[in-house]
Amino acid sequence: MSTSAASMKALAMQGMSLVKVQSRTYRIPTASMTTKTVPQPPKPSTDDANDTIYTDEIVTHYHPVQRTYHGFLIGKGGSTLKRMKLETGTRIDITDGEDLVMIKGTQDKVDNAIQVIDAFLQQAKDKARLTHFVSLPTMSSHTTRKLDDFHKELASYKTDGITPDLLIPANKLHMTLGVCKLLSQPDLEKAIQVIKQELPAIIQPLVADEQTVCVRLKKLAIMEKQPSKARILYIEAQDETKNKILPKLCDAIRDKLMENGIILDENRPLKACLQIHITLIKARTCKAEEGRSTFDARKILKSHGDLDLGMVHLDKLHLMKMGPLHPDGTYISDGSIGL
């Protein structure tokens, strides 16, 4: 072994190495020459649909969900929330006392969870019961007397499936312009605000040349094709305004409320005579699998087809609650404006 080789071996045993730089030779610690491999982060994947770059980083997102709907998300015994967590691979926490839901996970999973939550809530809202209806009450002392007389005559029609509980009392007669699902306090407040602040500007130009907005309640009809299996018997609201503005007025109100998401779009234009009506007899709603009961309206239509309950002045529009009633049996109004 040469002297040079022996020297290098001796230095190596001491943890040193010889490094030649140009014409000079240096001794440096061998450890300082070891290359350290630094782990590189995984390359991000790109979602071709929206060019969003996702990484494995955990993010926390607070998704706006009104407190009224928290119960829908939780489900019976927390079952719905558990299912969503498993389905999306995220942590989902209901923020108590706030209109928020916390979602935690990778960005792609959080995005998916948001879509799942929004879709579920929309389905829940679709299945929820109606809460309110927008109406024009049609009551007068004359109408009340005439309707009482009509009800007395119907007392002999029990064999046709018409019982007293199917008859709509005078203090509940109204024209329905639309139905609503106002499932939260903010929803209700928005509806009242639109009715009180925006509808007057729609209504006033239409009624400006009218002394009063009146209808005559006259002529009976049914919703169904077979009078022997009727479910709803109504009386028409015949337009008695000077300029025949009633259909246009009803449509304008409905369009504004639908535009703001207040009433549901039932695809039933009020321009059709069928839609400007007041229900007088309504069959009971049975269990879902049984549908609604029916009554035989043939005798009524034959003997009272031209029933005239007189003129009624339409002076107010109301947002009525669907369920509870006042002690006197009338609907509860959550907001109203004058016509």
Protein backbone atom coordinates (compact mmCIF):
# COMPACT_ATOMS: atom_id res chain seq x y z
CA MET A 1 0.00 0.00 0.00
CA SER A 2 1.44 3.40 -0.97
CA THR A 3 2.07 6.11 1.63
CA SER A 4 -0.74 8.22 0.13
CA ALA A 5 -3.23 5.36 0.31
CA ALA A 6 -2.15 4.55 3.86
CA SER A 7 -2.62 8.20 4.87
CA MET A 8 -6.13 8.31 3.38
CA LYS A 9 -7.08 5.07 5.18
CA ALA A 10 -5.78 6.45 8.49
CA LEU A 11 -7.75 9.64 8.00
CA ALA A 12 -10.90 7.67 7.12
CA MET A 13 -10.57 5.77 10.40
CA GLN A 14 -10.49 9.14 12.16
CA GLY A 15 -13.68 10.25 10.35
CA MET A 16 -11.78 12.59 8.04
CA SER A 17 -11.44 12.77 4.29
CA LEU A 18 -9.01 14.49 1.91
CA VAL A 19 -10.59 16.82 -0.59
CA LYS A 20 -8.48 18.35 -3.34
CA VAL A 21 -9.52 21.77 -4.56
CA GLN A 22 -7.40 22.97 -7.46
CA SER A 23 -3.74 22.67 -6.29
CA ARG A 24 -4.48 22.33 -2.60
CA THR A 25 -5.65 19.40 -0.45
CA TYR A 26 -7.96 19.85 2.56
CA ARG A 27 -9.01 17.59 5.38
CA ILE A 28 -12.75 17.80 6.27
CA PRO A 29 -15.08 15.63 8.35
CA THR A 30 -16.50 12.79 6.31
CA ALA A 31 -19.95 13.20 7.92
CA SER A 32 -20.32 16.67 6.45
CA MET A 33 -20.01 15.17 2.97
CA THR A 34 -22.98 12.76 3.41
CA THR A 35 -25.96 13.64 1.21
CA LYS A 36 -29.25 13.90 3.15
CA THR A 37 -32.39 13.01 1.25
CA VAL A 38 -35.28 15.32 2.14
CA PRO A 39 -38.74 13.76 1.61
CA GLN A 40 -40.63 15.59 -1.08
CA PRO A 41 -44.38 16.36 -0.63
CA PRO A 42 -46.72 14.43 -2.93
CA LYS A 43 -47.57 16.14 -6.14
CA PRO A 44 -51.01 17.73 -6.05
CA SER A 45 -53.73 16.26 -8.27
CA THR A 46 -55.79 18.51 -10.51
CA ASP A 47 -59.57 18.26 -10.83
CA ASP A 48 -60.17 18.60 -14.56
CA ALA A 49 -63.75 19.75 -14.01
CA ASN A 50 -62.86 23.06 -12.38
CA ASP A 51 -59.04 23.19 -12.41
CA THR A 52 -59.01 23.36 -8.60
CA ILE A 53 -55.81 21.95 -7.11
CA TYR A 54 -56.40 19.68 -4.12
CA THR A 55 -53.82 18.54 -1.56
CA ASP A 56 -53.96 16.27 1.47
CA GLU A 57 -54.06 19.31 3.76
CA ILE A 58 -56.92 19.26 6.27
CA VAL A 59 -59.19 22.30 6.07
CA THR A 60 -62.06 23.52 8.24
CA HIS A 61 -65.10 25.07 6.57
CA TYR A 62 -68.12 26.69 8.26
CA HIS A 63 -71.13 26.12 6.02
CA PRO A 64 -74.22 28.34 6.55
CA VAL A 65 -77.22 26.25 7.63
CA GLN A 66 -80.05 27.90 9.54
CA ARG A 67 -80.65 26.52 13.03
CA THR A 68 -84.18 25.55 12.08
CA TYR A 69 -82.73 22.91 9.75
CA HIS A 70 -80.19 21.44 12.19
CA GLY A 71 -82.70 18.83 13.29
CA PHE A 72 -83.03 17.61 9.70
CA LEU A 73 -79.26 17.07 9.51
CA ILE A 74 -79.01 15.32 12.85
CA GLY A 75 -81.85 12.90 12.18
CA LYS A 76 -83.41 10.45 14.59
CA GLY A 77 -80.80 9.51 17.19
CA GLY A 78 -78.14 11.26 15.11
CA SER A 79 -78.50 8.67 12.33
CA THR A 80 -78.51 11.14 9.43
CA LEU A 81 -75.41 12.98 10.63
CA LYS A 82 -73.52 9.70 11.17
CA ARG A 83 -74.42 8.53 7.68
CA MET A 84 -73.20 11.79 6.13
CA LYS A 85 -69.88 11.59 7.97
CA LEU A 86 -69.28 8.07 6.69
CA GLU A 87 -70.45 8.91 3.18
CA THR A 88 -68.25 11.99 2.81
CA GLY A 89 -65.27 10.96 4.94
CA THR A 90 -65.39 14.25 6.80
CA ARG A 91 -66.03 15.47 10.31
CA ILE A 92 -69.35 17.32 10.49
CA ASP A 93 -70.30 19.18 13.66
CA ILE A 94 -73.46 21.17 14.29
CA THR A 95 -72.55 24.60 15.64
CA ASP A 96 -74.94 24.97 18.56
CA GLY A 97 -76.77 28.29 18.73
CA GLU A 98 -75.46 29.49 15.36
CA ASP A 99 -76.61 29.19 11.76
CA LEU A 100 -73.52 27.16 10.86
CA VAL A 101 -72.28 23.62 10.34
CA MET A 102 -68.55 22.87 10.67
CA ILE A 103 -67.06 20.53 8.06
CA LYS A 104 -63.47 19.28 8.42
CA GLY A 105 -61.45 17.20 5.98
CA THR A 106 -59.44 17.49 2.79
CA GLN A 107 -60.69 20.17 0.41
CA ASP A 108 -62.20 17.73 -2.08
CA LYS A 109 -64.07 15.87 0.66
CA VAL A 110 -65.30 19.12 2.20
CA ASP A 111 -66.61 20.24 -1.19
CA ASN A 112 -68.42 16.93 -1.58
CA ALA A 113 -69.88 17.20 1.93
CA ILE A 114 -71.27 20.66 1.13
CA GLN A 115 -73.06 19.26 -1.93
CA VAL A 116 -74.42 16.31 0.06
CA ILE A 117 -75.71 18.57 2.85
CA ASP A 118 -77.34 21.07 0.47
CA ALA A 119 -79.00 18.30 -1.57
CA PHE A 120 -80.30 16.61 1.57
CA LEU A 121 -81.73 19.85 2.99
CA GLN A 122 -83.50 20.60 -0.29
CA GLN A 123 -85.13 17.17 -0.21
CA ALA A 124 -86.11 17.70 3.43
CA LYS A 125 -87.70 21.04 2.56
CA ASP A 126 -89.59 19.47 -0.35
CA LYS A 127 -91.04 16.85 2.01
CA ALA A 128 -91.82 19.32 4.79
CA ARG A 129 -95.40 20.33 5.41
CA LEU A 130 -96.84 23.62 4.23
CA THR A 131 -96.72 26.33 6.89
CA HIS A 132 -98.60 29.33 5.44
CA PHE A 133 -100.85 30.48 2.64
CA VAL A 134 -101.39 33.88 1.05
CA SER A 135 -105.07 34.74 0.90
CA LEU A 136 -107.76 37.31 0.31
CA PRO A 137 -110.50 36.76 2.93
CA THR A 138 -114.04 36.87 1.51
CA MET A 139 -116.33 37.60 4.43
CA SER A 140 -119.36 39.83 4.90
CA SER A 141 -122.46 39.73 7.09
CA HIS A 142 -124.64 39.06 4.04
CA THR A 143 -122.42 36.20 2.89
CA THR A 144 -122.45 34.70 6.39
CA ARG A 145 -126.28 34.66 6.51
CA LYS A 146 -126.59 33.16 3.02
CA LEU A 147 -123.98 30.51 3.75
CA ASP A 148 -125.71 29.53 7.01
CA ASP A 149 -128.94 29.00 5.07
CA PHE A 150 -127.07 26.87 2.53
CA HIS A 151 -125.53 24.74 5.28
CA LYS A 152 -128.96 24.13 6.84
CA GLU A 153 -130.27 22.85 3.52
CA LEU A 154 -127.30 20.49 3.23
CA ALA A 155 -128.26 18.82 6.53
CA SER A 156 -130.41 16.39 4.55
CA TYR A 157 -127.47 15.34 2.32
CA LYS A 158 -125.70 13.10 4.84
CA THR A 159 -126.36 10.03 2.76
CA ASP A 160 -124.23 11.57 0.01
CA GLY A 161 -121.16 11.61 2.24
CA ILE A 162 -121.55 15.28 3.21
CA THR A 163 -121.14 15.77 6.94
CA PRO A 164 -120.95 19.03 8.95
CA ASP A 165 -117.18 18.72 9.41
CA LEU A 166 -116.67 19.03 5.64
CA LEU A 167 -118.39 22.42 5.44
CA ILE A 168 -116.16 25.51 5.50
CA PRO A 169 -117.59 28.09 7.93
CA ALA A 170 -118.12 31.68 6.82
CA ASN A 171 -115.28 33.07 8.94
CA LYS A 172 -112.76 30.90 7.06
CA LEU A 173 -113.84 31.68 3.49
CA HIS A 174 -110.97 33.02 1.40
CA MET A 175 -109.29 33.07 -2.00
CA THR A 176 -105.91 31.32 -1.86
CA LEU A 177 -103.22 32.95 -4.00
CA GLY A 178 -100.39 30.61 -3.02
CA VAL A 179 -99.00 28.26 -0.39
CA CYS A 180 -95.69 28.54 1.46
CA LYS A 181 -93.06 26.53 3.30
CA LEU A 182 -91.57 29.08 5.69
CA LEU A 183 -89.56 26.69 7.86
CA SER A 184 -87.43 29.20 9.75
CA GLN A 185 -87.83 32.57 11.40
CA PRO A 186 -85.63 34.28 8.76
CA ASP A 187 -87.88 32.76 6.04
CA LEU A 188 -90.97 34.14 7.76
CA GLU A 189 -89.41 37.57 8.30
CA LYS A 190 -88.40 37.77 4.65
CA ALA A 191 -91.95 36.89 3.54
CA ILE A 192 -93.48 39.56 5.78
CA GLN A 193 -90.96 42.13 4.55
CA VAL A 194 -91.72 41.42 0.88
CA ILE A 195 -95.47 41.56 1.49
CA LYS A 196 -95.35 44.82 3.43
CA GLN A 197 -92.61 46.64 1.51
CA GLU A 198 -92.74 45.37 -2.07
CA LEU A 199 -96.32 44.30 -2.80
CA PRO A 200 -97.89 47.76 -2.34
CA ALA A 201 -95.91 49.05 -5.34
CA ILE A 202 -97.35 46.17 -7.39
CA ILE A 203 -100.93 46.52 -6.17
CA GLN A 204 -101.51 50.28 -6.13
CA PRO A 205 -101.13 50.96 -9.89
CA LEU A 206 -103.67 48.21 -10.61
CA VAL A 207 -106.34 49.38 -8.15
CA ALA A 208 -105.77 53.13 -8.58
CA ASP A 209 -108.86 53.58 -10.79
CA GLU A 210 -111.06 51.31 -8.69
CA GLN A 211 -113.30 52.59 -5.92
CA THR A 212 -113.37 49.10 -4.41
CA VAL A 213 -112.09 45.65 -5.31
CA CYS A 214 -115.20 43.48 -5.22
CA VAL A 215 -116.19 39.96 -6.22
CA ARG A 216 -119.54 38.21 -6.38
CA LEU A 217 -119.60 34.71 -4.94
CA LYS A 218 -121.83 32.91 -7.37
CA LYS A 219 -122.13 29.54 -9.14
CA LEU A 220 -121.01 26.22 -7.70
CA ALA A 221 -118.54 23.85 -9.34
CA ILE A 222 -116.24 20.98 -8.39
CA MET A 223 -112.53 20.33 -8.99
CA GLU A 224 -112.99 16.76 -10.19
CA LYS A 225 -114.58 15.42 -13.37
CA GLN A 226 -117.02 13.06 -11.67
CA PRO A 227 -119.60 14.83 -9.45
CA SER A 228 -120.32 11.51 -7.73
CA LYS A 229 -116.72 11.40 -6.47
CA ALA A 230 -116.07 15.03 -5.63
CA ARG A 231 -113.37 16.14 -3.24
CA ILE A 232 -113.70 19.92 -3.39
CA LEU A 233 -116.82 21.95 -4.13
CA TYR A 234 -116.25 25.66 -4.59
CA ILE A 235 -118.07 28.85 -5.52
CA GLU A 236 -116.65 31.10 -8.20
CA ALA A 237 -115.36 34.57 -7.38
CA GLN A 238 -116.76 36.60 -10.26
CA ASP A 239 -114.86 39.79 -10.99
CA GLU A 240 -116.95 42.88 -10.16
CA THR A 241 -114.19 45.47 -10.53
CA LYS A 242 -114.78 48.34 -12.94
CA ASN A 243 -111.80 47.47 -15.14
CA LYS A 244 -111.90 43.70 -14.57
CA ILE A 245 -108.51 43.74 -12.88
CA LEU A 246 -108.96 40.72 -10.59
CA PRO A 247 -107.06 38.10 -12.64
CA LYS A 248 -104.26 40.56 -13.39
CA LEU A 249 -104.07 41.62 -9.74
CA CYS A 250 -103.86 38.02 -8.50
CA ASP A 251 -101.23 37.10 -11.07
CA ALA A 252 -99.09 40.15 -10.23
CA ILE A 253 -99.14 39.31 -6.52
CA ARG A 254 -98.30 35.67 -7.17
CA ASP A 255 -95.48 36.50 -9.58
CA LYS A 256 -93.83 38.87 -7.08
CA LEU A 257 -94.05 36.37 -4.24
CA MET A 258 -92.79 33.53 -6.42
CA GLU A 259 -89.91 35.69 -7.63
CA ASN A 260 -88.83 36.08 -4.00
CA GLY A 261 -89.28 32.41 -3.17
CA ILE A 262 -92.19 33.09 -0.80
CA ILE A 263 -94.87 30.90 -2.38
CA LEU A 264 -94.43 27.62 -4.23
CA ASP A 265 -94.79 27.42 -7.98
CA GLU A 266 -97.72 25.05 -8.44
CA ASN A 267 -97.99 25.75 -12.18
CA ARG A 268 -101.59 26.84 -11.76
CA PRO A 269 -102.20 30.18 -13.52
CA LEU A 270 -104.78 32.33 -11.76
CA LYS A 271 -105.97 33.57 -15.13
CA ALA A 272 -107.94 30.36 -15.42
CA CYS A 273 -111.39 30.83 -13.91
CA LEU A 274 -110.87 27.67 -11.89
CA GLN A 275 -108.21 29.32 -9.76
CA ILE A 276 -110.31 32.31 -8.69
CA HIS A 277 -112.58 30.47 -6.31
CA ILE A 278 -113.59 29.95 -2.70
CA THR A 279 -113.82 26.42 -1.31
CA LEU A 280 -117.14 25.61 0.40
CA ILE A 281 -116.88 21.85 0.95
CA LYS A 282 -113.65 19.88 1.27
CA ALA A 283 -113.35 16.13 1.77
CA ARG A 284 -111.27 14.82 4.63
CA THR A 285 -107.67 13.81 3.96
CA CYS A 286 -107.10 10.20 4.96
CA LYS A 287 -103.89 8.24 5.44
CA ALA A 288 -101.34 8.56 2.64
CA GLU A 289 -102.12 5.13 1.22
CA GLU A 290 -105.87 5.81 1.27
CA GLY A 291 -105.82 9.22 -0.38
CA ARG A 292 -108.72 11.60 0.26
CA SER A 293 -112.34 10.61 0.87
CA THR A 294 -115.04 11.78 -1.55
CA PHE A 295 -118.65 12.92 -1.48
CA ASP A 296 -121.49 12.92 -3.99
CA ALA A 297 -122.07 16.46 -5.29
CA ARG A 298 -124.68 15.67 -7.95
CA LYS A 299 -127.71 16.68 -5.87
CA ILE A 300 -126.05 19.90 -4.69
CA LEU A 301 -125.08 20.96 -8.19
CA LYS A 302 -128.56 20.21 -9.48
CA SER A 303 -130.48 22.08 -6.78
CA HIS A 304 -127.97 24.81 -5.84
CA GLY A 305 -125.78 25.18 -8.92
CA ASP A 306 -126.57 28.90 -9.21
CA LEU A 307 -125.99 29.64 -5.51
CA ASP A 308 -125.36 33.36 -4.96
CA LEU A 309 -123.70 34.40 -1.69
CA GLY A 310 -123.59 38.04 -2.68
CA MET A 311 -120.91 40.69 -3.12
CA VAL A 312 -117.74 40.77 -1.06
CA HIS A 313 -115.24 43.61 -0.74
CA LEU A 314 -111.60 42.44 -0.88
CA ASP A 315 -109.85 44.86 1.45
CA LYS A 316 -106.81 42.97 2.77
CA LEU A 317 -104.20 40.43 1.75
CA HIS A 318 -102.92 38.12 4.52
CA LEU A 319 -100.10 35.70 5.18
CA MET A 320 -102.03 33.08 7.16
CA LYS A 321 -100.71 30.20 9.27
CA MET A 322 -101.68 26.83 7.89
CA GLY A 323 -102.39 25.02 11.15
CA PRO A 324 -103.45 26.73 14.41
CA LEU A 325 -106.60 28.85 14.64
CA HIS A 326 -107.81 31.68 16.84
CA PRO A 327 -110.24 30.72 19.61
CA ASP A 328 -113.06 32.01 17.38
CA GLY A 329 -112.07 29.53 14.65
CA THR A 330 -110.47 32.02 12.26
CA TYR A 331 -107.00 31.71 10.77
CA ILE A 332 -104.02 33.43 12.41
CA SER A 333 -102.38 36.13 10.28
CA ASP A 334 -98.63 36.68 10.48
CA GLY A 335 -98.79 39.80 8.31
CA SER A 336 -101.19 41.74 6.11
CA ILE A 337 -101.54 44.76 3.85
CA GLY A 338 -104.58 46.69 2.66
CA LEU A 339 -105.73 46.70 -0.95
